Amino acid sequence: MDDDPTILLILGVGALVVVLIVVFGVMSSRRKARATAPSWQVRTIEVLGQPVLETTSVERTDDRQWQLFQERFGPGTVIPEVSVEGPDGPRSWRMTVSRVRRSLRSGWPQARVGFTAYFEAFENSEFPANFRIDSPTVAGIACDRHGVTVTAPDGTSLLTAAWDRLLVSNGPDVILQSGDQRVSVDAVRTAAAPTEVEEVLIKYGQFRQLHF
């Protein structure tokens, strides 16, 4: 009989351990589910005269969401039905993703980011393109399939870079950087939406947060 309290204590501790294991297991499963579930939604919109897949905004520091987007819509992914405007109205086409990009969204200085998937059928369809910039420091941005050149009002080159070496940060202005060349362009967007030149820079440049 003297052993009964000890036995009961051992059984009680054992039961508590089992309960804690179950509780922590459930909490871990929920955390894992949250980590593997997208917090964004996707819609098809038109950018640069072409359909793209665009997400809602997410926290800028949530790298897992960017990883999930790349896993689902990375280059080579086939989208069975993409709505494309034509002379007789929208039609659905089977399309292959060619590239995915991030870009900053509104909410300074705590900006969020969004993700965009572009399609192979429209690769390099924007080029060549020359954009006149109404700015005291930047007169124009010339783009082709190889890269970009930014010129000053006096015609001198401020920045020249291949697309894979061009860092782009789109905020209240657009910051472009390649090596030790850095240009801030404050006249490439309107209050309502990004302009065509900003969209081209986002699509072909390499996203890097350079604003804050």
N, C-alpha and C. Protein backbone atom coordinates (compact mmCIF):
# COMPACT_ATOMS: atom_id res chain seq x y z
N MET A 1 0.82 -1.21 0.00
CA MET A 1 0.00 0.00 0.00
C MET A 1 0.86 1.27 0.00
N ASP A 2 2.06 1.18 0.66
CA ASP A 2 2.93 2.35 0.71
C ASP A 2 3.40 2.77 -0.68
N ASP A 3 3.39 1.80 -1.60
CA ASP A 3 3.86 2.11 -2.96
C ASP A 3 2.82 2.81 -3.82
N ASP A 4 1.53 2.79 -3.34
CA ASP A 4 0.45 3.34 -4.17
C ASP A 4 0.67 4.81 -4.54
N PRO A 5 1.03 5.72 -3.59
CA PRO A 5 1.25 7.12 -3.98
C PRO A 5 2.35 7.28 -5.01
N THR A 6 3.42 6.46 -4.85
CA THR A 6 4.53 6.56 -5.80
C THR A 6 4.09 6.14 -7.19
N ILE A 7 3.34 5.03 -7.23
CA ILE A 7 2.83 4.54 -8.53
C ILE A 7 1.91 5.57 -9.17
N LEU A 8 1.03 6.16 -8.35
CA LEU A 8 0.11 7.16 -8.88
C LEU A 8 0.86 8.39 -9.39
N LEU A 9 1.92 8.77 -8.64
CA LEU A 9 2.72 9.91 -9.08
C LEU A 9 3.39 9.64 -10.42
N ILE A 10 3.95 8.42 -10.55
CA ILE A 10 4.61 8.05 -11.80
C ILE A 10 3.62 8.05 -12.96
N LEU A 11 2.42 7.50 -12.70
CA LEU A 11 1.39 7.46 -13.74
C LEU A 11 0.95 8.88 -14.13
N GLY A 12 0.83 9.74 -13.09
CA GLY A 12 0.43 11.12 -13.36
C GLY A 12 1.45 11.87 -14.19
N VAL A 13 2.72 11.69 -13.84
CA VAL A 13 3.78 12.34 -14.61
C VAL A 13 3.80 11.81 -16.04
N GLY A 14 3.62 10.50 -16.18
CA GLY A 14 3.60 9.91 -17.52
C GLY A 14 2.47 10.46 -18.36
N ALA A 15 1.29 10.59 -17.74
CA ALA A 15 0.14 11.13 -18.46
C ALA A 15 0.40 12.58 -18.89
N LEU A 16 1.03 13.37 -17.98
CA LEU A 16 1.33 14.76 -18.29
C LEU A 16 2.31 14.87 -19.46
N VAL A 17 3.30 13.99 -19.48
CA VAL A 17 4.27 13.98 -20.57
C VAL A 17 3.59 13.70 -21.89
N VAL A 18 2.67 12.71 -21.89
CA VAL A 18 1.93 12.37 -23.11
C VAL A 18 1.12 13.57 -23.59
N VAL A 19 0.45 14.26 -22.66
CA VAL A 19 -0.36 15.42 -23.03
C VAL A 19 0.51 16.52 -23.63
N LEU A 20 1.67 16.77 -23.00
CA LEU A 20 2.58 17.80 -23.51
C LEU A 20 3.09 17.46 -24.90
N ILE A 21 3.41 16.18 -25.12
CA ILE A 21 3.87 15.75 -26.44
C ILE A 21 2.80 16.01 -27.49
N VAL A 22 1.55 15.70 -27.16
CA VAL A 22 0.45 15.91 -28.10
C VAL A 22 0.27 17.40 -28.38
N VAL A 23 0.30 18.22 -27.30
CA VAL A 23 0.10 19.67 -27.46
C VAL A 23 1.19 20.27 -28.34
N PHE A 24 2.46 19.95 -28.02
CA PHE A 24 3.56 20.49 -28.81
C PHE A 24 3.54 19.98 -30.24
N GLY A 25 3.08 18.74 -30.43
CA GLY A 25 2.97 18.19 -31.78
C GLY A 25 1.94 18.94 -32.60
N VAL A 26 0.80 19.27 -31.98
CA VAL A 26 -0.25 20.02 -32.67
C VAL A 26 0.24 21.42 -33.02
N MET A 27 0.93 22.07 -32.05
CA MET A 27 1.45 23.41 -32.30
C MET A 27 2.48 23.41 -33.41
N SER A 28 3.34 22.39 -33.42
CA SER A 28 4.36 22.28 -34.46
C SER A 28 3.73 22.07 -35.82
N SER A 29 2.68 21.23 -35.86
CA SER A 29 1.99 20.97 -37.13
C SER A 29 1.34 22.23 -37.67
N ARG A 30 0.76 23.02 -36.76
CA ARG A 30 0.13 24.26 -37.20
C ARG A 30 1.15 25.25 -37.74
N ARG A 31 2.30 25.35 -37.04
CA ARG A 31 3.35 26.24 -37.52
C ARG A 31 3.85 25.79 -38.89
N LYS A 32 4.01 24.48 -39.05
CA LYS A 32 4.48 23.94 -40.33
C LYS A 32 3.48 24.21 -41.44
N ALA A 33 2.18 24.06 -41.11
CA ALA A 33 1.14 24.31 -42.11
C ALA A 33 1.16 25.77 -42.55
N ARG A 34 1.33 26.67 -41.54
CA ARG A 34 1.40 28.09 -41.89
C ARG A 34 2.60 28.39 -42.77
N ALA A 35 3.71 27.72 -42.49
CA ALA A 35 4.95 27.97 -43.24
C ALA A 35 4.88 27.45 -44.66
N THR A 36 4.03 26.45 -44.91
CA THR A 36 3.95 25.86 -46.24
C THR A 36 2.73 26.33 -47.02
N ALA A 37 1.92 27.20 -46.41
CA ALA A 37 0.71 27.69 -47.08
C ALA A 37 0.94 29.13 -47.55
N PRO A 38 0.61 29.45 -48.78
CA PRO A 38 0.77 30.82 -49.26
C PRO A 38 -0.14 31.78 -48.49
N SER A 39 0.37 32.95 -48.19
CA SER A 39 -0.46 33.98 -47.58
C SER A 39 -0.94 34.96 -48.65
N TRP A 40 -0.60 34.69 -49.92
CA TRP A 40 -0.98 35.56 -51.02
C TRP A 40 -2.02 34.88 -51.90
N GLN A 41 -2.71 35.71 -52.68
CA GLN A 41 -3.61 35.23 -53.73
C GLN A 41 -3.07 35.71 -55.07
N VAL A 42 -3.42 34.98 -56.12
CA VAL A 42 -2.92 35.30 -57.47
C VAL A 42 -4.07 35.71 -58.37
N ARG A 43 -3.81 36.69 -59.20
CA ARG A 43 -4.79 37.09 -60.22
C ARG A 43 -4.04 37.36 -61.52
N THR A 44 -4.75 37.31 -62.63
CA THR A 44 -4.17 37.66 -63.93
C THR A 44 -4.51 39.10 -64.23
N ILE A 45 -3.48 39.90 -64.51
CA ILE A 45 -3.69 41.29 -64.89
C ILE A 45 -2.90 41.57 -66.17
N GLU A 46 -3.08 42.75 -66.73
CA GLU A 46 -2.32 43.14 -67.92
C GLU A 46 -1.25 44.16 -67.54
N VAL A 47 -0.02 43.87 -67.88
CA VAL A 47 1.11 44.77 -67.66
C VAL A 47 1.92 44.83 -68.94
N LEU A 48 2.27 46.02 -69.38
CA LEU A 48 3.05 46.19 -70.62
C LEU A 48 2.34 45.57 -71.82
N GLY A 49 1.00 45.57 -71.79
CA GLY A 49 0.23 45.01 -72.88
C GLY A 49 0.24 43.50 -72.94
N GLN A 50 0.57 42.85 -71.85
CA GLN A 50 0.65 41.39 -71.83
C GLN A 50 0.09 40.86 -70.51
N PRO A 51 -0.45 39.65 -70.52
CA PRO A 51 -0.96 39.08 -69.27
C PRO A 51 0.18 38.64 -68.36
N VAL A 52 0.02 38.85 -67.07
CA VAL A 52 0.97 38.37 -66.08
C VAL A 52 0.18 37.84 -64.89
N LEU A 53 0.83 37.01 -64.09
CA LEU A 53 0.25 36.58 -62.82
C LEU A 53 0.82 37.45 -61.72
N GLU A 54 -0.04 38.08 -60.95
CA GLU A 54 0.41 38.98 -59.90
C GLU A 54 -0.23 38.59 -58.57
N THR A 55 0.55 38.66 -57.49
CA THR A 55 0.04 38.30 -56.17
C THR A 55 -0.39 39.54 -55.40
N THR A 56 -1.16 39.29 -54.35
CA THR A 56 -1.38 40.32 -53.36
C THR A 56 -0.08 40.54 -52.59
N SER A 57 -0.03 41.57 -51.77
CA SER A 57 1.21 41.93 -51.07
C SER A 57 1.45 41.05 -49.85
N VAL A 58 2.74 40.87 -49.53
CA VAL A 58 3.14 40.11 -48.34
C VAL A 58 4.23 40.90 -47.61
N GLU A 59 4.55 40.45 -46.40
CA GLU A 59 5.61 41.11 -45.64
C GLU A 59 6.94 41.02 -46.40
N ARG A 60 7.66 42.11 -46.43
CA ARG A 60 8.90 42.17 -47.19
C ARG A 60 9.94 41.18 -46.69
N THR A 61 9.92 40.88 -45.39
CA THR A 61 10.92 39.99 -44.80
C THR A 61 10.52 38.52 -44.82
N ASP A 62 9.33 38.21 -45.35
CA ASP A 62 8.85 36.82 -45.36
C ASP A 62 9.40 36.10 -46.59
N ASP A 63 10.64 35.64 -46.49
CA ASP A 63 11.28 34.97 -47.63
C ASP A 63 10.61 33.66 -47.99
N ARG A 64 9.94 33.04 -47.02
CA ARG A 64 9.28 31.76 -47.29
C ARG A 64 8.17 31.93 -48.34
N GLN A 65 7.46 33.05 -48.31
CA GLN A 65 6.39 33.27 -49.29
C GLN A 65 6.95 33.42 -50.70
N TRP A 66 8.10 34.06 -50.82
CA TRP A 66 8.76 34.17 -52.12
C TRP A 66 9.19 32.79 -52.60
N GLN A 67 9.69 31.98 -51.70
CA GLN A 67 10.10 30.62 -52.06
C GLN A 67 8.90 29.81 -52.54
N LEU A 68 7.77 29.94 -51.85
CA LEU A 68 6.55 29.22 -52.25
C LEU A 68 6.09 29.66 -53.64
N PHE A 69 6.17 30.96 -53.91
CA PHE A 69 5.76 31.45 -55.22
C PHE A 69 6.65 30.87 -56.31
N GLN A 70 7.95 30.83 -56.07
CA GLN A 70 8.87 30.27 -57.06
C GLN A 70 8.63 28.78 -57.27
N GLU A 71 8.29 28.07 -56.21
CA GLU A 71 8.01 26.64 -56.33
C GLU A 71 6.77 26.38 -57.18
N ARG A 72 5.78 27.26 -57.06
CA ARG A 72 4.52 27.05 -57.78
C ARG A 72 4.51 27.64 -59.19
N PHE A 73 5.23 28.74 -59.37
CA PHE A 73 5.15 29.45 -60.65
C PHE A 73 6.52 29.76 -61.24
N GLY A 74 7.54 29.00 -60.89
CA GLY A 74 8.89 29.26 -61.39
C GLY A 74 9.01 29.08 -62.89
N PRO A 75 10.11 29.55 -63.49
CA PRO A 75 10.32 29.41 -64.93
C PRO A 75 10.15 27.96 -65.39
N GLY A 76 9.41 27.79 -66.49
CA GLY A 76 9.12 26.45 -67.00
C GLY A 76 7.76 25.93 -66.60
N THR A 77 7.13 26.59 -65.61
CA THR A 77 5.79 26.18 -65.18
C THR A 77 4.78 26.46 -66.29
N VAL A 78 3.96 25.48 -66.59
CA VAL A 78 2.93 25.63 -67.63
C VAL A 78 1.60 25.98 -66.97
N ILE A 79 1.01 27.08 -67.39
CA ILE A 79 -0.31 27.50 -66.92
C ILE A 79 -1.32 27.14 -68.01
N PRO A 80 -2.23 26.20 -67.74
CA PRO A 80 -3.12 25.69 -68.80
C PRO A 80 -4.00 26.76 -69.45
N GLU A 81 -4.48 27.72 -68.66
CA GLU A 81 -5.39 28.72 -69.22
C GLU A 81 -5.02 30.11 -68.74
N VAL A 82 -4.59 30.94 -69.68
CA VAL A 82 -4.29 32.34 -69.39
C VAL A 82 -5.13 33.19 -70.34
N SER A 83 -5.90 34.11 -69.78
CA SER A 83 -6.78 34.94 -70.60
C SER A 83 -5.97 36.04 -71.28
N VAL A 84 -6.07 36.11 -72.61
CA VAL A 84 -5.34 37.10 -73.41
C VAL A 84 -6.33 37.87 -74.27
N GLU A 85 -6.24 39.20 -74.22
CA GLU A 85 -7.12 40.04 -75.03
C GLU A 85 -6.74 39.93 -76.51
N GLY A 86 -7.75 39.79 -77.35
CA GLY A 86 -7.53 39.75 -78.79
C GLY A 86 -8.53 40.63 -79.50
N PRO A 87 -8.45 40.70 -80.82
CA PRO A 87 -9.37 41.57 -81.57
C PRO A 87 -10.83 41.16 -81.41
N ASP A 88 -11.05 39.89 -81.11
CA ASP A 88 -12.42 39.40 -80.93
C ASP A 88 -12.76 39.17 -79.47
N GLY A 89 -12.00 39.80 -78.57
CA GLY A 89 -12.24 39.62 -77.15
C GLY A 89 -11.23 38.68 -76.52
N PRO A 90 -11.35 38.44 -75.22
CA PRO A 90 -10.37 37.59 -74.53
C PRO A 90 -10.47 36.12 -74.94
N ARG A 91 -9.30 35.48 -75.04
CA ARG A 91 -9.24 34.04 -75.30
C ARG A 91 -8.26 33.42 -74.31
N SER A 92 -8.45 32.14 -74.03
CA SER A 92 -7.56 31.44 -73.10
C SER A 92 -6.49 30.69 -73.86
N TRP A 93 -5.25 30.82 -73.41
CA TRP A 93 -4.12 30.17 -74.04
C TRP A 93 -3.30 29.42 -73.00
N ARG A 94 -2.66 28.35 -73.45
CA ARG A 94 -1.72 27.61 -72.61
C ARG A 94 -0.37 28.33 -72.68
N MET A 95 0.19 28.72 -71.53
CA MET A 95 1.41 29.51 -71.53
C MET A 95 2.43 28.99 -70.53
N THR A 96 3.70 29.27 -70.84
CA THR A 96 4.81 28.83 -69.99
C THR A 96 5.45 30.04 -69.32
N VAL A 97 5.69 29.93 -68.03
CA VAL A 97 6.33 31.02 -67.28
C VAL A 97 7.80 31.13 -67.68
N SER A 98 8.25 32.35 -67.96
CA SER A 98 9.65 32.57 -68.35
C SER A 98 10.49 33.14 -67.22
N ARG A 99 9.87 33.95 -66.37
CA ARG A 99 10.62 34.56 -65.26
C ARG A 99 9.66 34.99 -64.16
N VAL A 100 10.16 35.08 -62.95
CA VAL A 100 9.38 35.60 -61.82
C VAL A 100 10.17 36.73 -61.18
N ARG A 101 9.45 37.71 -60.67
CA ARG A 101 10.09 38.88 -60.09
C ARG A 101 9.36 39.35 -58.83
N ARG A 102 10.12 40.02 -57.96
CA ARG A 102 9.56 40.71 -56.81
C ARG A 102 9.61 42.22 -57.07
N SER A 103 8.74 42.95 -56.39
CA SER A 103 8.80 44.41 -56.45
C SER A 103 8.21 44.97 -55.17
N LEU A 104 8.67 46.16 -54.79
CA LEU A 104 8.15 46.82 -53.60
C LEU A 104 6.77 47.37 -53.87
N ARG A 105 5.94 47.32 -52.85
CA ARG A 105 4.60 47.90 -52.92
C ARG A 105 4.51 49.09 -51.97
N SER A 106 3.38 49.78 -51.97
CA SER A 106 3.21 50.96 -51.14
C SER A 106 3.24 50.61 -49.66
N GLY A 107 3.44 51.62 -48.84
CA GLY A 107 3.46 51.42 -47.40
C GLY A 107 4.75 51.87 -46.77
N TRP A 108 5.39 52.90 -47.34
CA TRP A 108 6.68 53.35 -46.84
C TRP A 108 6.56 53.91 -45.43
N PRO A 109 7.57 53.74 -44.55
CA PRO A 109 8.82 53.05 -44.90
C PRO A 109 8.77 51.54 -44.69
N GLN A 110 7.61 51.02 -44.28
CA GLN A 110 7.48 49.57 -44.07
C GLN A 110 6.81 48.93 -45.27
N ALA A 111 7.44 49.07 -46.41
CA ALA A 111 6.84 48.58 -47.65
C ALA A 111 6.71 47.07 -47.66
N ARG A 112 5.68 46.60 -48.31
CA ARG A 112 5.50 45.18 -48.54
C ARG A 112 5.99 44.84 -49.95
N VAL A 113 5.97 43.57 -50.30
CA VAL A 113 6.40 43.18 -51.64
C VAL A 113 5.29 42.37 -52.31
N GLY A 114 5.36 42.32 -53.62
CA GLY A 114 4.47 41.48 -54.40
C GLY A 114 5.29 40.68 -55.39
N PHE A 115 4.70 39.61 -55.90
CA PHE A 115 5.40 38.72 -56.83
C PHE A 115 4.66 38.72 -58.17
N THR A 116 5.43 38.59 -59.25
CA THR A 116 4.85 38.57 -60.59
C THR A 116 5.50 37.48 -61.42
N ALA A 117 4.69 36.75 -62.17
CA ALA A 117 5.19 35.74 -63.11
C ALA A 117 4.90 36.22 -64.53
N TYR A 118 5.93 36.17 -65.37
CA TYR A 118 5.83 36.62 -66.77
C TYR A 118 5.89 35.41 -67.70
N PHE A 119 5.38 35.58 -68.92
CA PHE A 119 5.25 34.44 -69.82
C PHE A 119 6.23 34.51 -71.00
N GLU A 120 6.65 33.32 -71.40
CA GLU A 120 7.64 33.14 -72.47
C GLU A 120 7.21 33.78 -73.78
N ALA A 121 5.91 33.73 -74.06
CA ALA A 121 5.41 34.24 -75.34
C ALA A 121 5.67 35.73 -75.51
N PHE A 122 5.93 36.44 -74.41
CA PHE A 122 6.11 37.89 -74.49
C PHE A 122 7.53 38.33 -74.12
N GLU A 123 8.44 37.37 -73.99
CA GLU A 123 9.82 37.72 -73.66
C GLU A 123 10.43 38.66 -74.71
N ASN A 124 11.01 39.75 -74.23
CA ASN A 124 11.71 40.74 -75.07
C ASN A 124 10.80 41.45 -76.07
N SER A 125 9.49 41.32 -75.89
CA SER A 125 8.57 41.98 -76.82
C SER A 125 8.56 43.50 -76.62
N GLU A 126 9.11 43.96 -75.50
CA GLU A 126 9.12 45.40 -75.20
C GLU A 126 10.26 46.15 -75.88
N PHE A 127 11.21 45.42 -76.44
CA PHE A 127 12.45 46.05 -76.94
C PHE A 127 12.48 46.18 -78.46
N PRO A 128 13.27 47.16 -78.96
CA PRO A 128 13.97 48.21 -78.19
C PRO A 128 13.00 49.27 -77.69
N ALA A 129 13.36 49.93 -76.60
CA ALA A 129 12.49 50.96 -76.02
C ALA A 129 13.34 52.12 -75.52
N ASN A 130 12.90 53.32 -75.81
CA ASN A 130 13.58 54.53 -75.35
C ASN A 130 12.57 55.40 -74.60
N PHE A 131 12.85 55.65 -73.34
CA PHE A 131 11.93 56.40 -72.50
C PHE A 131 12.52 57.78 -72.18
N ARG A 132 11.75 58.81 -72.49
CA ARG A 132 12.16 60.17 -72.13
C ARG A 132 11.74 60.41 -70.68
N ILE A 133 12.66 60.88 -69.86
CA ILE A 133 12.40 61.11 -68.45
C ILE A 133 12.40 62.61 -68.16
N ASP A 134 11.34 63.08 -67.54
CA ASP A 134 11.22 64.50 -67.21
C ASP A 134 11.80 64.74 -65.82
N SER A 135 13.12 64.83 -65.75
CA SER A 135 13.81 64.96 -64.48
C SER A 135 15.02 65.88 -64.65
N PRO A 136 15.40 66.64 -63.62
CA PRO A 136 16.57 67.51 -63.73
C PRO A 136 17.88 66.75 -63.90
N THR A 137 17.91 65.50 -63.45
CA THR A 137 19.17 64.75 -63.48
C THR A 137 19.21 63.63 -64.51
N VAL A 138 18.03 63.16 -64.94
CA VAL A 138 17.96 62.05 -65.89
C VAL A 138 17.11 62.46 -67.08
N ALA A 139 17.65 62.28 -68.29
CA ALA A 139 16.92 62.67 -69.50
C ALA A 139 16.26 61.49 -70.19
N GLY A 140 16.89 60.31 -70.11
CA GLY A 140 16.34 59.17 -70.82
C GLY A 140 16.85 57.85 -70.31
N ILE A 141 16.06 56.82 -70.58
CA ILE A 141 16.44 55.44 -70.26
C ILE A 141 16.21 54.61 -71.52
N ALA A 142 17.28 54.06 -72.06
CA ALA A 142 17.20 53.23 -73.26
C ALA A 142 17.36 51.77 -72.88
N CYS A 143 16.47 50.94 -73.39
CA CYS A 143 16.48 49.51 -73.04
C CYS A 143 16.47 48.66 -74.31
N ASP A 144 17.24 47.58 -74.29
CA ASP A 144 17.13 46.55 -75.31
C ASP A 144 17.25 45.20 -74.62
N ARG A 145 17.29 44.13 -75.38
CA ARG A 145 17.28 42.80 -74.78
C ARG A 145 18.55 42.51 -73.98
N HIS A 146 19.58 43.31 -74.17
CA HIS A 146 20.85 43.08 -73.47
C HIS A 146 20.97 43.85 -72.16
N GLY A 147 20.36 45.04 -72.10
CA GLY A 147 20.52 45.82 -70.89
C GLY A 147 19.93 47.21 -71.00
N VAL A 148 20.44 48.11 -70.15
CA VAL A 148 19.86 49.45 -70.02
C VAL A 148 20.96 50.49 -69.97
N THR A 149 20.66 51.68 -70.52
CA THR A 149 21.55 52.83 -70.43
C THR A 149 20.74 54.03 -69.95
N VAL A 150 21.23 54.69 -68.91
CA VAL A 150 20.58 55.88 -68.37
C VAL A 150 21.45 57.09 -68.72
N THR A 151 20.84 58.11 -69.32
CA THR A 151 21.61 59.29 -69.75
C THR A 151 21.16 60.55 -69.02
N ALA A 152 22.10 61.48 -68.86
CA ALA A 152 21.83 62.77 -68.24
C ALA A 152 21.35 63.76 -69.30
N PRO A 153 20.81 64.92 -68.87
CA PRO A 153 20.35 65.93 -69.85
C PRO A 153 21.44 66.39 -70.82
N ASP A 154 22.71 66.33 -70.41
CA ASP A 154 23.78 66.75 -71.32
C ASP A 154 24.25 65.62 -72.23
N GLY A 155 23.58 64.46 -72.16
CA GLY A 155 23.91 63.35 -73.04
C GLY A 155 24.92 62.37 -72.49
N THR A 156 25.52 62.66 -71.36
CA THR A 156 26.50 61.73 -70.78
C THR A 156 25.79 60.53 -70.16
N SER A 157 26.51 59.42 -70.12
CA SER A 157 25.95 58.19 -69.56
C SER A 157 26.09 58.18 -68.04
N LEU A 158 24.99 57.96 -67.35
CA LEU A 158 24.99 57.88 -65.89
C LEU A 158 25.13 56.44 -65.41
N LEU A 159 24.62 55.51 -66.20
CA LEU A 159 24.66 54.10 -65.82
C LEU A 159 24.45 53.25 -67.06
N THR A 160 25.27 52.23 -67.20
CA THR A 160 25.11 51.24 -68.26
C THR A 160 25.26 49.87 -67.63
N ALA A 161 24.29 48.98 -67.88
CA ALA A 161 24.35 47.67 -67.23
C ALA A 161 23.60 46.62 -68.02
N ALA A 162 24.12 45.40 -67.99
CA ALA A 162 23.36 44.25 -68.49
C ALA A 162 22.24 43.97 -67.50
N TRP A 163 21.17 43.38 -67.98
CA TRP A 163 20.01 43.14 -67.12
C TRP A 163 20.36 42.29 -65.90
N ASP A 164 21.22 41.30 -66.08
CA ASP A 164 21.51 40.43 -64.94
C ASP A 164 22.42 41.08 -63.90
N ARG A 165 22.89 42.30 -64.19
CA ARG A 165 23.72 43.04 -63.23
C ARG A 165 23.06 44.32 -62.75
N LEU A 166 21.84 44.55 -63.20
CA LEU A 166 21.13 45.77 -62.82
C LEU A 166 20.25 45.52 -61.60
N LEU A 167 20.56 46.18 -60.49
CA LEU A 167 19.73 46.09 -59.29
C LEU A 167 18.65 47.16 -59.37
N VAL A 168 17.41 46.77 -59.06
CA VAL A 168 16.27 47.68 -59.16
C VAL A 168 15.52 47.70 -57.84
N SER A 169 15.28 48.90 -57.33
CA SER A 169 14.46 49.07 -56.13
C SER A 169 13.42 50.13 -56.43
N ASN A 170 12.16 49.71 -56.52
CA ASN A 170 11.10 50.65 -56.88
C ASN A 170 10.37 51.11 -55.62
N GLY A 171 10.49 52.40 -55.32
CA GLY A 171 9.81 52.97 -54.16
C GLY A 171 9.14 54.26 -54.56
N PRO A 172 9.21 55.29 -53.72
CA PRO A 172 8.70 56.59 -54.13
C PRO A 172 9.42 57.09 -55.39
N ASP A 173 10.68 56.66 -55.52
CA ASP A 173 11.42 56.83 -56.76
C ASP A 173 11.92 55.44 -57.17
N VAL A 174 12.68 55.37 -58.24
CA VAL A 174 13.28 54.09 -58.64
C VAL A 174 14.79 54.23 -58.56
N ILE A 175 15.41 53.36 -57.78
CA ILE A 175 16.86 53.36 -57.65
C ILE A 175 17.43 52.25 -58.51
N LEU A 176 18.39 52.59 -59.36
CA LEU A 176 19.09 51.64 -60.22
C LEU A 176 20.55 51.60 -59.80
N GLN A 177 21.10 50.41 -59.72
CA GLN A 177 22.50 50.29 -59.32
C GLN A 177 23.16 49.14 -60.06
N SER A 178 24.40 49.39 -60.47
CA SER A 178 25.24 48.35 -61.07
C SER A 178 26.68 48.66 -60.68
N GLY A 179 27.26 47.82 -59.83
CA GLY A 179 28.60 48.09 -59.34
C GLY A 179 28.61 49.39 -58.57
N ASP A 180 29.52 50.31 -58.92
CA ASP A 180 29.59 51.60 -58.23
C ASP A 180 28.75 52.67 -58.92
N GLN A 181 28.00 52.29 -59.95
CA GLN A 181 27.09 53.23 -60.61
C GLN A 181 25.72 53.15 -59.93
N ARG A 182 25.19 54.29 -59.54
CA ARG A 182 23.88 54.32 -58.86
C ARG A 182 23.13 55.57 -59.30
N VAL A 183 21.87 55.37 -59.68
CA VAL A 183 21.04 56.48 -60.15
C VAL A 183 19.69 56.40 -59.48
N SER A 184 19.21 57.53 -59.01
CA SER A 184 17.85 57.64 -58.48
C SER A 184 17.01 58.41 -59.48
N VAL A 185 15.93 57.78 -59.92
CA VAL A 185 15.07 58.39 -60.93
C VAL A 185 13.72 58.68 -60.28
N ASP A 186 13.39 59.96 -60.14
CA ASP A 186 12.18 60.32 -59.40
C ASP A 186 11.00 60.67 -60.30
N ALA A 187 11.12 60.41 -61.59
CA ALA A 187 10.04 60.79 -62.52
C ALA A 187 9.60 59.64 -63.39
N VAL A 188 9.69 58.41 -62.88
CA VAL A 188 9.28 57.27 -63.70
C VAL A 188 7.97 56.66 -63.22
N ARG A 189 7.32 57.29 -62.25
CA ARG A 189 6.04 56.76 -61.81
C ARG A 189 5.05 57.91 -61.62
N THR A 190 3.77 57.56 -61.66
CA THR A 190 2.72 58.53 -61.39
C THR A 190 2.13 58.21 -60.03
N ALA A 191 1.25 59.07 -59.55
CA ALA A 191 0.62 58.81 -58.26
C ALA A 191 -0.29 57.59 -58.32
N ALA A 192 -0.82 57.31 -59.51
CA ALA A 192 -1.80 56.23 -59.63
C ALA A 192 -1.17 54.85 -59.76
N ALA A 193 -0.10 54.75 -60.54
CA ALA A 193 0.44 53.41 -60.83
C ALA A 193 1.84 53.53 -61.41
N PRO A 194 2.59 52.42 -61.40
CA PRO A 194 3.90 52.43 -62.07
C PRO A 194 3.74 52.73 -63.56
N THR A 195 4.71 53.41 -64.12
CA THR A 195 4.69 53.70 -65.54
C THR A 195 5.33 52.56 -66.31
N GLU A 196 5.28 52.66 -67.63
CA GLU A 196 5.80 51.58 -68.47
C GLU A 196 7.28 51.32 -68.23
N VAL A 197 8.07 52.40 -68.10
CA VAL A 197 9.51 52.21 -67.90
C VAL A 197 9.79 51.50 -66.58
N GLU A 198 9.05 51.84 -65.54
CA GLU A 198 9.24 51.15 -64.25
C GLU A 198 8.92 49.67 -64.37
N GLU A 199 7.86 49.35 -65.09
CA GLU A 199 7.48 47.94 -65.25
C GLU A 199 8.55 47.17 -66.02
N VAL A 200 9.15 47.80 -67.03
CA VAL A 200 10.23 47.13 -67.78
C VAL A 200 11.43 46.88 -66.87
N LEU A 201 11.79 47.88 -66.07
CA LEU A 201 12.93 47.74 -65.15
C LEU A 201 12.68 46.63 -64.13
N ILE A 202 11.46 46.55 -63.63
CA ILE A 202 11.11 45.50 -62.66
C ILE A 202 11.21 44.12 -63.32
N LYS A 203 10.68 44.02 -64.54
CA LYS A 203 10.63 42.72 -65.20
C LYS A 203 12.01 42.17 -65.52
N TYR A 204 12.90 43.01 -66.03
CA TYR A 204 14.18 42.49 -66.52
C TYR A 204 15.36 42.72 -65.57
N GLY A 205 15.21 43.65 -64.62
CA GLY A 205 16.27 43.88 -63.65
C GLY A 205 16.20 42.87 -62.50
N GLN A 206 17.11 43.04 -61.54
CA GLN A 206 17.20 42.15 -60.38
C GLN A 206 16.75 42.92 -59.14
N PHE A 207 15.71 42.44 -58.49
CA PHE A 207 15.18 43.16 -57.33
C PHE A 207 16.18 43.18 -56.17
N ARG A 208 16.38 44.36 -55.61
CA ARG A 208 17.16 44.52 -54.38
C ARG A 208 16.56 45.71 -53.63
N GLN A 209 16.27 45.53 -52.37
CA GLN A 209 15.70 46.61 -51.58
C GLN A 209 16.81 47.60 -51.25
N LEU A 210 16.75 48.79 -51.83
CA LEU A 210 17.81 49.79 -51.65
C LEU A 210 17.30 51.08 -51.01
N HIS A 211 16.03 51.10 -50.61
CA HIS A 211 15.45 52.34 -50.12
C HIS A 211 15.62 52.57 -48.62
N PHE A 212 15.60 51.50 -47.82
CA PHE A 212 15.64 51.70 -46.38
C PHE A 212 16.23 50.47 -45.71
